[in-house]
Amino acid sequence: MNAFDVARLDALARELALSPRQLLAAALQLASTDTDAANTDERRRHAIATVRATPRESEALAALLLTPITSFAHDDIDRALATLWPPPACMGG
């Protein structure tokens, strides 16, 4: 979390009785909901209630969000290319 103020995020999570990962999951839910669907306070309450009701799922979601997805994509691409073009048995003389 190099671009964020970790101390402030931790304080907010504690104030809301959430783990930092649950806070991330709630923020994702807020960001992905239609802003015209309900008022902001109600959307916040709903997002927080959802992550509190599903702690394991929200922790798992946050763990996935924090995973460097691009490195997994590169690994998959490397494996696919290695399958198609295996390295030569002997490199050089």
Foldseek 3Di string as FASTA:
>chain_A
DVVDDVVVLCVVCVVLVHHSLLVVQLVVQLVPDDPVPDDPVVSSVVSSVVCVVPVVVSNVVSVVVPDPVVVVVVVVVVVVVCVVPPDDPDDDD
